[in-house]
Protein backbone atom coordinates (compact mmCIF):
# COMPACT_ATOMS: atom_id res chain seq x y z
CA MET A 1 16.71 3.47 0.23
CA ALA A 2 17.18 5.25 -3.12
CA GLU A 3 16.46 1.99 -4.94
CA ASN A 4 13.17 1.64 -3.07
CA ASN A 5 12.16 5.19 -4.04
CA GLU A 6 13.06 4.47 -7.66
CA GLN A 7 10.91 1.32 -7.66
CA GLU A 8 8.01 3.25 -6.15
CA ALA A 9 8.37 5.96 -8.81
CA GLU A 10 8.46 3.35 -11.59
CA PHE A 11 5.38 1.62 -10.19
CA GLU A 12 3.56 4.95 -9.89
CA ALA A 13 4.41 5.83 -13.52
CA TRP A 14 3.25 2.38 -14.66
CA ARG A 15 0.01 2.78 -12.71
CA GLU A 16 -0.62 6.19 -14.28
CA ASP A 17 -0.08 4.70 -17.76
CA VAL A 18 -2.54 1.87 -17.07
CA ASP A 19 -5.08 4.30 -15.58
CA TYR A 20 -4.71 6.51 -18.67
CA LEU A 21 -5.30 3.54 -21.00
CA VAL A 22 -8.39 2.45 -19.06
CA ALA A 23 -9.75 6.02 -19.12
CA ILE A 24 -9.23 6.32 -22.90
CA LEU A 25 -10.90 2.95 -23.52
CA LYS A 26 -13.76 3.87 -21.17
CA GLU A 27 -14.33 7.10 -23.07
CA SER A 28 -13.98 5.45 -26.49
CA PHE A 29 -16.58 2.79 -25.68
CA GLU A 30 -18.82 5.32 -23.88
CA SER A 31 -18.67 3.20 -20.74
CA THR A 32 -19.92 4.50 -17.42
CA ASP A 33 -17.66 2.15 -15.46
CA ALA A 34 -14.40 0.30 -16.02
CA ARG A 35 -11.80 -1.60 -14.05
CA PHE A 36 -8.66 -3.54 -14.73
CA SER A 37 -6.69 -6.43 -13.33
CA VAL A 38 -3.26 -7.83 -14.09
CA ASP A 39 -2.26 -11.45 -14.42
CA GLU A 40 1.39 -11.01 -13.50
CA MET A 41 2.27 -14.65 -14.09
CA ASN A 42 1.16 -14.48 -17.75
CA ASP A 43 1.81 -10.73 -18.18
CA ILE A 44 -1.76 -9.99 -19.28
CA LEU A 45 -3.79 -6.85 -18.63
CA TYR A 46 -7.55 -7.39 -18.41
CA VAL A 47 -9.72 -4.31 -18.91
CA GLU A 48 -13.42 -4.67 -18.10
CA LEU A 49 -15.71 -2.08 -19.67
CA GLU A 50 -19.39 -1.50 -18.96
CA GLY A 51 -21.44 -1.81 -22.16
CA LEU A 52 -18.75 -3.59 -24.18
CA HIS A 53 -21.22 -6.39 -24.93
CA GLU A 54 -23.18 -3.90 -27.07
CA TYR A 55 -20.36 -3.79 -29.64
CA SER A 56 -19.59 -6.41 -32.27
CA ASP A 57 -16.11 -7.95 -32.35
CA GLU A 58 -15.36 -5.94 -35.47
CA GLU A 59 -16.39 -2.68 -33.80
CA ILE A 60 -14.27 -3.47 -30.74
CA VAL A 61 -11.21 -4.08 -32.90
CA GLU A 62 -11.89 -0.95 -34.95
CA ILE A 63 -12.13 1.23 -31.84
CA ALA A 64 -9.47 -0.38 -29.63
CA GLU A 65 -6.71 -1.27 -32.09
CA PRO A 66 -5.50 2.30 -32.78
CA ILE A 67 -5.47 3.03 -29.05
CA LEU A 68 -3.58 -0.12 -28.14
CA ASP A 69 -1.09 0.44 -30.98
CA THR A 70 -0.09 3.83 -29.57
CA ILE A 71 0.13 2.81 -25.90
CA GLU A 72 3.59 1.74 -24.82
CA LEU A 73 2.71 -0.70 -22.05
CA ASP A 74 4.78 -3.85 -21.93
CA PHE A 75 2.15 -6.60 -21.61
CA GLU A 76 2.12 -9.88 -23.47
CA ASP A 77 -1.57 -9.26 -24.16
CA ILE A 78 -4.33 -6.78 -23.33
CA ILE A 79 -7.78 -8.32 -23.18
CA LEU A 80 -11.03 -6.34 -23.19
CA LEU A 81 -14.01 -7.86 -21.42
CA PRO A 82 -17.57 -6.75 -20.62
CA LEU A 83 -17.85 -5.54 -17.03
CA GLN A 84 -19.52 -8.20 -14.90
C-alpha cells in the first residue's frame, strides 16, 4: 500500500511540474488557452498554445528555449503546436 501511495505522490508531482510548464508557456506566448498531451510510447510532451501560429519559428525558439532549458522534466522531446 505504501508503494501505491508513493507512485500517486510521484505522479501528482509530475503533473504539477507539467501544469507549471504549460502555464509558463501560456503566459510567455500570451495565449488565452493551452493544453497538453503525452505520447508515452515515444516519451514526447506536446503542448498546444492558442495564438502560437502568430509567432515566427525564430520567435518561438527565442521565447521557449530559456524556459525549456530550466525545466527539469524528463521527456525525450517537448513539441509546441498551435491550438487546434
